[in-house]
């Protein structure tokens, strides 16, 4: 849980002021050259730890901006899928073929394939409207086998939907990759770590008191 003093500018200012005074007083009263070297080492160590947390925070900020841009693309990709499903269902199910003397010899097989494709897209449309969250889920209708549609005319609708589905999935993966989990506690403590590191480093610089060697 994040305490109220974390992320508070006045708390950080007070902490820095107190740390500045205490570290300089400690350096003046107790530190010889070895002690100041130790203070400097601790300051460097804390500064390095803060550098890591700072990098992670910066990465999270940059990735958040990328995710916002990708969200717009994801919305458009989801709309493309919905458009493909709606238009393909209308085309396949409302198409009214008429046999004529010029009809191909495999007219019945073509019509059978159309009805198969029509049934598939009806199931897909039901799934899309009832179970699919385009902002979070990959488009994966259950128990759908596109391989049963082999006629090139009707398969064109399947191909368009598969392309739109792959684009949507690609963007989902990109969004997932740009959302690292933030280190909330470390991020909240980071300014205070930098503050004490800075104070220790300053206290280690001037030789306030030179002790006599025995």
C-alpha atoms as a PDB file:
ATOM      1  CA  UNK A   1       0.000   0.000   0.000  1.00  0.00           C
ATOM      2  CA  UNK A   2       1.251   3.499  -0.877  1.00  0.00           C
ATOM      3  CA  UNK A   3       1.428   5.879   2.101  1.00  0.00           C
ATOM      4  CA  UNK A   4       0.136   9.443   1.878  1.00  0.00           C
ATOM      5  CA  UNK A   5       3.623  10.953   2.224  1.00  0.00           C
ATOM      6  CA  UNK A   6       4.749   9.201  -0.973  1.00  0.00           C
ATOM      7  CA  UNK A   7       4.343  11.466  -3.973  1.00  0.00           C
ATOM      8  CA  UNK A   8       3.939  14.521  -1.721  1.00  0.00           C
ATOM      9  CA  UNK A   9       6.176  17.436  -2.698  1.00  0.00           C
ATOM     10  CA  UNK A  10       6.252  18.983   0.772  1.00  0.00           C
ATOM     11  CA  UNK A  11       7.156  15.635   2.334  1.00  0.00           C
ATOM     12  CA  UNK A  12      10.042  15.281  -0.126  1.00  0.00           C
ATOM     13  CA  UNK A  13      11.238  18.847   0.569  1.00  0.00           C
ATOM     14  CA  UNK A  14      11.163  18.268   4.334  1.00  0.00           C
ATOM     15  CA  UNK A  15      12.901  14.906   4.002  1.00  0.00           C
ATOM     16  CA  UNK A  16      15.621  16.483   1.848  1.00  0.00           C
ATOM     17  CA  UNK A  17      16.196  19.358   4.273  1.00  0.00           C
ATOM     18  CA  UNK A  18      16.451  17.058   7.298  1.00  0.00           C
ATOM     19  CA  UNK A  19      18.678  14.602   5.415  1.00  0.00           C
ATOM     20  CA  UNK A  20      20.933  17.445   4.266  1.00  0.00           C
ATOM     21  CA  UNK A  21      21.460  18.685   7.815  1.00  0.00           C
ATOM     22  CA  UNK A  22      21.870  15.252   9.396  1.00  0.00           C
ATOM     23  CA  UNK A  23      24.302  13.898   6.814  1.00  0.00           C
ATOM     24  CA  UNK A  24      26.507  17.000   6.989  1.00  0.00           C
ATOM     25  CA  UNK A  25      26.433  16.928  10.784  1.00  0.00           C
ATOM     26  CA  UNK A  26      27.310  13.250  10.804  1.00  0.00           C
ATOM     27  CA  UNK A  27      30.144  13.860   8.351  1.00  0.00           C
ATOM     28  CA  UNK A  28      31.493  16.698  10.489  1.00  0.00           C
ATOM     29  CA  UNK A  29      31.317  14.837  13.799  1.00  0.00           C
ATOM     30  CA  UNK A  30      32.260  11.293  12.934  1.00  0.00           C
ATOM     31  CA  UNK A  31      33.797  10.914   9.486  1.00  0.00           C
ATOM     32  CA  UNK A  32      37.438  10.789   8.588  1.00  0.00           C
ATOM     33  CA  UNK A  33      38.654  10.096   5.050  1.00  0.00           C
ATOM     34  CA  UNK A  34      37.557   6.456   5.262  1.00  0.00           C
ATOM     35  CA  UNK A  35      34.148   7.446   6.569  1.00  0.00           C
ATOM     36  CA  UNK A  36      33.608   9.968   3.796  1.00  0.00           C
ATOM     37  CA  UNK A  37      34.614   7.343   1.239  1.00  0.00           C
ATOM     38  CA  UNK A  38      31.991   5.029   2.695  1.00  0.00           C
ATOM     39  CA  UNK A  39      29.380   7.772   2.531  1.00  0.00           C
ATOM     40  CA  UNK A  40      30.279   8.356  -1.105  1.00  0.00           C
ATOM     41  CA  UNK A  41      30.016   4.631  -1.850  1.00  0.00           C
ATOM     42  CA  UNK A  42      26.560   4.448  -0.211  1.00  0.00           C
ATOM     43  CA  UNK A  43      25.463   7.516  -2.174  1.00  0.00           C
ATOM     44  CA  UNK A  44      26.592   5.924  -5.437  1.00  0.00           C
ATOM     45  CA  UNK A  45      24.857   2.664  -4.577  1.00  0.00           C
ATOM     46  CA  UNK A  46      21.551   4.400  -3.801  1.00  0.00           C
ATOM     47  CA  UNK A  47      21.895   6.557  -6.901  1.00  0.00           C
ATOM     48  CA  UNK A  48      22.377   3.445  -9.021  1.00  0.00           C
ATOM     49  CA  UNK A  49      19.261   1.862  -7.514  1.00  0.00           C
ATOM     50  CA  UNK A  50      17.291   5.026  -8.264  1.00  0.00           C
ATOM     51  CA  UNK A  51      18.650   4.998 -11.812  1.00  0.00           C
ATOM     52  CA  UNK A  52      17.138   1.552 -12.383  1.00  0.00           C
ATOM     53  CA  UNK A  53      13.752   2.577 -11.020  1.00  0.00           C
ATOM     54  CA  UNK A  54      13.896   5.803 -13.027  1.00  0.00           C
ATOM     55  CA  UNK A  55      14.538   3.856 -16.212  1.00  0.00           C
ATOM     56  CA  UNK A  56      11.618   1.543 -15.489  1.00  0.00           C
ATOM     57  CA  UNK A  57       9.335   4.508 -14.785  1.00  0.00           C
ATOM     58  CA  UNK A  58      10.425   6.201 -18.015  1.00  0.00           C
ATOM     59  CA  UNK A  59       9.871   2.976 -19.953  1.00  0.00           C
ATOM     60  CA  UNK A  60       6.376   2.652 -18.488  1.00  0.00           C
ATOM     61  CA  UNK A  61       5.572   6.254 -19.463  1.00  0.00           C
ATOM     62  CA  UNK A  62       6.803   5.789 -23.033  1.00  0.00           C
ATOM     63  CA  UNK A  63       4.980   2.484 -23.401  1.00  0.00           C
ATOM     64  CA  UNK A  64       1.790   4.037 -22.061  1.00  0.00           C
ATOM     65  CA  UNK A  65       1.960   6.656 -24.816  1.00  0.00           C
ATOM     66  CA  UNK A  66       2.559   3.925 -27.399  1.00  0.00           C
ATOM     67  CA  UNK A  67      -0.370   1.919 -26.046  1.00  0.00           C
ATOM     68  CA  UNK A  68      -2.674   4.933 -26.402  1.00  0.00           C
ATOM     69  CA  UNK A  69      -1.691   5.277 -30.067  1.00  0.00           C
ATOM     70  CA  UNK A  70      -2.142   1.557 -30.633  1.00  0.00           C
ATOM     71  CA  UNK A  71      -5.584   1.690 -29.022  1.00  0.00           C
ATOM     72  CA  UNK A  72      -6.853   3.807 -31.912  1.00  0.00           C
ATOM     73  CA  UNK A  73      -5.491   1.267 -34.393  1.00  0.00           C
ATOM     74  CA  UNK A  74      -7.062  -1.543 -32.390  1.00  0.00           C
ATOM     75  CA  UNK A  75     -10.436   0.201 -32.527  1.00  0.00           C
ATOM     76  CA  UNK A  76     -10.210   0.545 -36.310  1.00  0.00           C
ATOM     77  CA  UNK A  77      -9.101  -3.091 -36.681  1.00  0.00           C
ATOM     78  CA  UNK A  78     -12.089  -4.218 -34.616  1.00  0.00           C
ATOM     79  CA  UNK A  79     -14.410  -2.145 -36.790  1.00  0.00           C
ATOM     80  CA  UNK A  80     -12.857  -3.730 -39.892  1.00  0.00           C
ATOM     81  CA  UNK A  81     -13.651  -7.191 -38.532  1.00  0.00           C
ATOM     82  CA  UNK A  82     -17.229  -6.193 -37.739  1.00  0.00           C
ATOM     83  CA  UNK A  83     -17.623  -4.717 -41.213  1.00  0.00           C
ATOM     84  CA  UNK A  84     -16.217  -7.820 -42.897  1.00  0.00           C
ATOM     85  CA  UNK A  85     -18.514 -10.134 -40.926  1.00  0.00           C
ATOM     86  CA  UNK A  86     -21.605  -8.030 -41.568  1.00  0.00           C
ATOM     87  CA  UNK A  87     -20.993  -7.489 -45.275  1.00  0.00           C
ATOM     88  CA  UNK A  88     -19.948 -11.102 -45.884  1.00  0.00           C
ATOM     89  CA  UNK A  89     -23.007 -12.488 -44.108  1.00  0.00           C
ATOM     90  CA  UNK A  90     -25.273 -10.217 -46.122  1.00  0.00           C
ATOM     91  CA  UNK A  91     -23.536 -11.125 -49.375  1.00  0.00           C
ATOM     92  CA  UNK A  92     -23.462 -14.877 -48.765  1.00  0.00           C
ATOM     93  CA  UNK A  93     -26.891 -15.308 -47.209  1.00  0.00           C
ATOM     94  CA  UNK A  94     -28.896 -12.888 -49.335  1.00  0.00           C
ATOM     95  CA  UNK A  95     -27.369 -13.895 -52.637  1.00  0.00           C
ATOM     96  CA  UNK A  96     -30.076 -15.379 -54.853  1.00  0.00           C
ATOM     97  CA  UNK A  97     -28.544 -17.598 -57.540  1.00  0.00           C
ATOM     98  CA  UNK A  98     -30.585 -18.580 -60.582  1.00  0.00           C
ATOM     99  CA  UNK A  99     -29.702 -21.536 -62.716  1.00  0.00           C
ATOM    100  CA  UNK A 100     -29.579 -20.758 -66.417  1.00  0.00           C
ATOM    101  CA  UNK A 101     -28.318 -22.438 -69.549  1.00  0.00           C
ATOM    102  CA  UNK A 102     -25.037 -20.642 -68.993  1.00  0.00           C
ATOM    103  CA  UNK A 103     -24.600 -21.811 -65.399  1.00  0.00           C
ATOM    104  CA  UNK A 104     -21.467 -23.903 -64.705  1.00  0.00           C
ATOM    105  CA  UNK A 105     -21.824 -27.642 -64.520  1.00  0.00           C
ATOM    106  CA  UNK A 106     -20.946 -27.589 -60.798  1.00  0.00           C
ATOM    107  CA  UNK A 107     -23.686 -25.083 -59.997  1.00  0.00           C
ATOM    108  CA  UNK A 108     -25.062 -27.255 -57.185  1.00  0.00           C
ATOM    109  CA  UNK A 109     -21.661 -27.647 -55.552  1.00  0.00           C
ATOM    110  CA  UNK A 110     -21.068 -23.879 -55.692  1.00  0.00           C
ATOM    111  CA  UNK A 111     -24.470 -23.259 -54.141  1.00  0.00           C
ATOM    112  CA  UNK A 112     -23.773 -25.825 -51.451  1.00  0.00           C
ATOM    113  CA  UNK A 113     -20.508 -24.049 -50.621  1.00  0.00           C
ATOM    114  CA  UNK A 114     -22.335 -20.723 -50.430  1.00  0.00           C
ATOM    115  CA  UNK A 115     -24.784 -22.105 -47.903  1.00  0.00           C
ATOM    116  CA  UNK A 116     -21.916 -23.530 -45.833  1.00  0.00           C
ATOM    117  CA  UNK A 117     -20.164 -20.159 -45.863  1.00  0.00           C
ATOM    118  CA  UNK A 118     -23.431 -18.408 -45.020  1.00  0.00           C
ATOM    119  CA  UNK A 119     -23.892 -20.627 -41.972  1.00  0.00           C
ATOM    120  CA  UNK A 120     -20.339 -19.976 -40.843  1.00  0.00           C
ATOM    121  CA  UNK A 121     -20.725 -16.217 -41.015  1.00  0.00           C
ATOM    122  CA  UNK A 122     -24.038 -16.355 -39.167  1.00  0.00           C
ATOM    123  CA  UNK A 123     -22.307 -18.172 -36.305  1.00  0.00           C
ATOM    124  CA  UNK A 124     -19.463 -15.676 -36.423  1.00  0.00           C
ATOM    125  CA  UNK A 125     -21.885 -12.762 -36.255  1.00  0.00           C
ATOM    126  CA  UNK A 126     -23.586 -14.242 -33.184  1.00  0.00           C
ATOM    127  CA  UNK A 127     -20.209 -14.711 -31.495  1.00  0.00           C
ATOM    128  CA  UNK A 128     -19.118 -11.191 -32.419  1.00  0.00           C
ATOM    129  CA  UNK A 129     -22.228  -9.573 -30.934  1.00  0.00           C
ATOM    130  CA  UNK A 130     -22.524 -11.701 -27.812  1.00  0.00           C
ATOM    131  CA  UNK A 131     -19.060 -12.825 -26.702  1.00  0.00           C
ATOM    132  CA  UNK A 132     -16.328 -10.726 -28.274  1.00  0.00           C
ATOM    133  CA  UNK A 133     -14.722  -7.724 -26.602  1.00  0.00           C
ATOM    134  CA  UNK A 134     -12.690  -6.163 -29.409  1.00  0.00           C
ATOM    135  CA  UNK A 135     -10.644  -3.998 -27.030  1.00  0.00           C
ATOM    136  CA  UNK A 136      -9.352  -6.968 -25.009  1.00  0.00           C
ATOM    137  CA  UNK A 137      -9.860 -10.247 -26.854  1.00  0.00           C
ATOM    138  CA  UNK A 138      -8.511 -11.828 -29.978  1.00  0.00           C
ATOM    139  CA  UNK A 139     -11.195 -12.611 -32.525  1.00  0.00           C
ATOM    140  CA  UNK A 140     -11.566 -16.378 -32.204  1.00  0.00           C
ATOM    141  CA  UNK A 141     -15.061 -17.744 -32.916  1.00  0.00           C
ATOM    142  CA  UNK A 142     -15.374 -21.268 -31.453  1.00  0.00           C
ATOM    143  CA  UNK A 143     -16.043 -24.360 -33.579  1.00  0.00           C
ATOM    144  CA  UNK A 144     -15.461 -22.534 -36.858  1.00  0.00           C
ATOM    145  CA  UNK A 145     -13.551 -24.324 -39.609  1.00  0.00           C
ATOM    146  CA  UNK A 146     -12.847 -21.993 -42.517  1.00  0.00           C
ATOM    147  CA  UNK A 147     -11.262 -24.861 -44.460  1.00  0.00           C
ATOM    148  CA  UNK A 148     -14.719 -26.179 -45.285  1.00  0.00           C
ATOM    149  CA  UNK A 149     -15.161 -23.188 -47.613  1.00  0.00           C
ATOM    150  CA  UNK A 150     -13.196 -24.146 -50.723  1.00  0.00           C
ATOM    151  CA  UNK A 151     -14.954 -22.371 -53.553  1.00  0.00           C
ATOM    152  CA  UNK A 152     -12.754 -19.378 -54.541  1.00  0.00           C
ATOM    153  CA  UNK A 153     -15.720 -16.992 -54.856  1.00  0.00           C
ATOM    154  CA  UNK A 154     -16.986 -17.550 -51.323  1.00  0.00           C
ATOM    155  CA  UNK A 155     -13.504 -18.104 -49.904  1.00  0.00           C
ATOM    156  CA  UNK A 156     -12.674 -14.515 -50.785  1.00  0.00           C
ATOM    157  CA  UNK A 157     -14.887 -13.402 -47.895  1.00  0.00           C
ATOM    158  CA  UNK A 158     -13.074 -15.794 -45.570  1.00  0.00           C
ATOM    159  CA  UNK A 159      -9.676 -14.499 -46.688  1.00  0.00           C
ATOM    160  CA  UNK A 160     -10.645 -10.886 -46.029  1.00  0.00           C
ATOM    161  CA  UNK A 161     -11.883 -11.758 -42.546  1.00  0.00           C
ATOM    162  CA  UNK A 162      -8.715 -13.704 -41.752  1.00  0.00           C
ATOM    163  CA  UNK A 163      -6.556 -10.738 -42.803  1.00  0.00           C
ATOM    164  CA  UNK A 164      -8.566  -8.387 -40.600  1.00  0.00           C
ATOM    165  CA  UNK A 165      -8.335 -10.880 -37.721  1.00  0.00           C
ATOM    166  CA  UNK A 166      -4.553 -11.160 -38.021  1.00  0.00           C
ATOM    167  CA  UNK A 167      -4.183  -7.367 -38.013  1.00  0.00           C
ATOM    168  CA  UNK A 168      -6.328  -7.106 -34.879  1.00  0.00           C
ATOM    169  CA  UNK A 169      -4.322  -9.840 -33.130  1.00  0.00           C
ATOM    170  CA  UNK A 170      -1.028  -8.189 -34.097  1.00  0.00           C
ATOM    171  CA  UNK A 171      -2.090  -4.897 -32.517  1.00  0.00           C
ATOM    172  CA  UNK A 172      -3.289  -6.679 -29.373  1.00  0.00           C
ATOM    173  CA  UNK A 173       0.134  -8.314 -29.039  1.00  0.00           C
ATOM    174  CA  UNK A 174       1.861  -4.963 -29.530  1.00  0.00           C
ATOM    175  CA  UNK A 175      -0.263  -3.367 -26.812  1.00  0.00           C
ATOM    176  CA  UNK A 176       0.479  -6.249 -24.450  1.00  0.00           C
ATOM    177  CA  UNK A 177       4.202  -5.866 -25.109  1.00  0.00           C
ATOM    178  CA  UNK A 178       4.118  -2.147 -24.288  1.00  0.00           C
ATOM    179  CA  UNK A 179       2.523  -2.485 -20.863  1.00  0.00           C
ATOM    180  CA  UNK A 180       5.130  -3.537 -18.291  1.00  0.00           C
ATOM    181  CA  UNK A 181       3.894  -3.777 -14.729  1.00  0.00           C
ATOM    182  CA  UNK A 182       5.056  -0.697 -12.803  1.00  0.00           C
ATOM    183  CA  UNK A 183       7.054  -1.067  -9.609  1.00  0.00           C
ATOM    184  CA  UNK A 184       4.628   1.049  -7.584  1.00  0.00           C
ATOM    185  CA  UNK A 185       6.509   1.008  -4.278  1.00  0.00           C
ATOM    186  CA  UNK A 186       9.916   1.619  -5.856  1.00  0.00           C
ATOM    187  CA  UNK A 187       8.529   4.360  -8.082  1.00  0.00           C
ATOM    188  CA  UNK A 188       7.014   6.091  -5.045  1.00  0.00           C
ATOM    189  CA  UNK A 189      10.261   5.793  -3.060  1.00  0.00           C
ATOM    190  CA  UNK A 190      12.490   6.829  -5.971  1.00  0.00           C
ATOM    191  CA  UNK A 191      12.529  10.618  -5.238  1.00  0.00           C
ATOM    192  CA  UNK A 192      13.399   9.956  -1.598  1.00  0.00           C
ATOM    193  CA  UNK A 193      16.198   7.561  -2.575  1.00  0.00           C
ATOM    194  CA  UNK A 194      17.613  10.187  -4.924  1.00  0.00           C
ATOM    195  CA  UNK A 195      17.308  12.794  -2.171  1.00  0.00           C
ATOM    196  CA  UNK A 196      19.240  10.828   0.447  1.00  0.00           C
ATOM    197  CA  UNK A 197      21.802   9.799  -2.173  1.00  0.00           C
ATOM    198  CA  UNK A 198      22.328  13.465  -3.083  1.00  0.00           C
ATOM    199  CA  UNK A 199      22.654  14.500   0.566  1.00  0.00           C
ATOM    200  CA  UNK A 200      25.131  11.725   1.334  1.00  0.00           C
ATOM    201  CA  UNK A 201      27.180  12.602  -1.732  1.00  0.00           C
ATOM    202  CA  UNK A 202      27.364  16.271  -0.731  1.00  0.00           C
ATOM    203  CA  UNK A 203      28.263  15.381   2.835  1.00  0.00           C
ATOM    204  CA  UNK A 204      31.107  13.164   1.635  1.00  0.00           C
ATOM    205  CA  UNK A 205      32.772  15.888  -0.455  1.00  0.00           C
ATOM    206  CA  UNK A 206      34.132  18.581   1.933  1.00  0.00           C
ATOM    207  CA  UNK A 207      36.642  17.624   4.665  1.00  0.00           C
ATOM    208  CA  UNK A 208      34.774  19.374   7.463  1.00  0.00           C
ATOM    209  CA  UNK A 209      36.969  17.905  10.133  1.00  0.00           C
ATOM    210  CA  UNK A 210      40.383  16.303   9.884  1.00  0.00           C
ATOM    211  CA  UNK A 211      41.043  13.881  12.693  1.00  0.00           C
ATOM    212  CA  UNK A 212      44.538  13.467  14.024  1.00  0.00           C
ATOM    213  CA  UNK A 213      46.003  10.101  13.297  1.00  0.00           C
ATOM    214  CA  UNK A 214      47.431   8.251  16.238  1.00  0.00           C
END
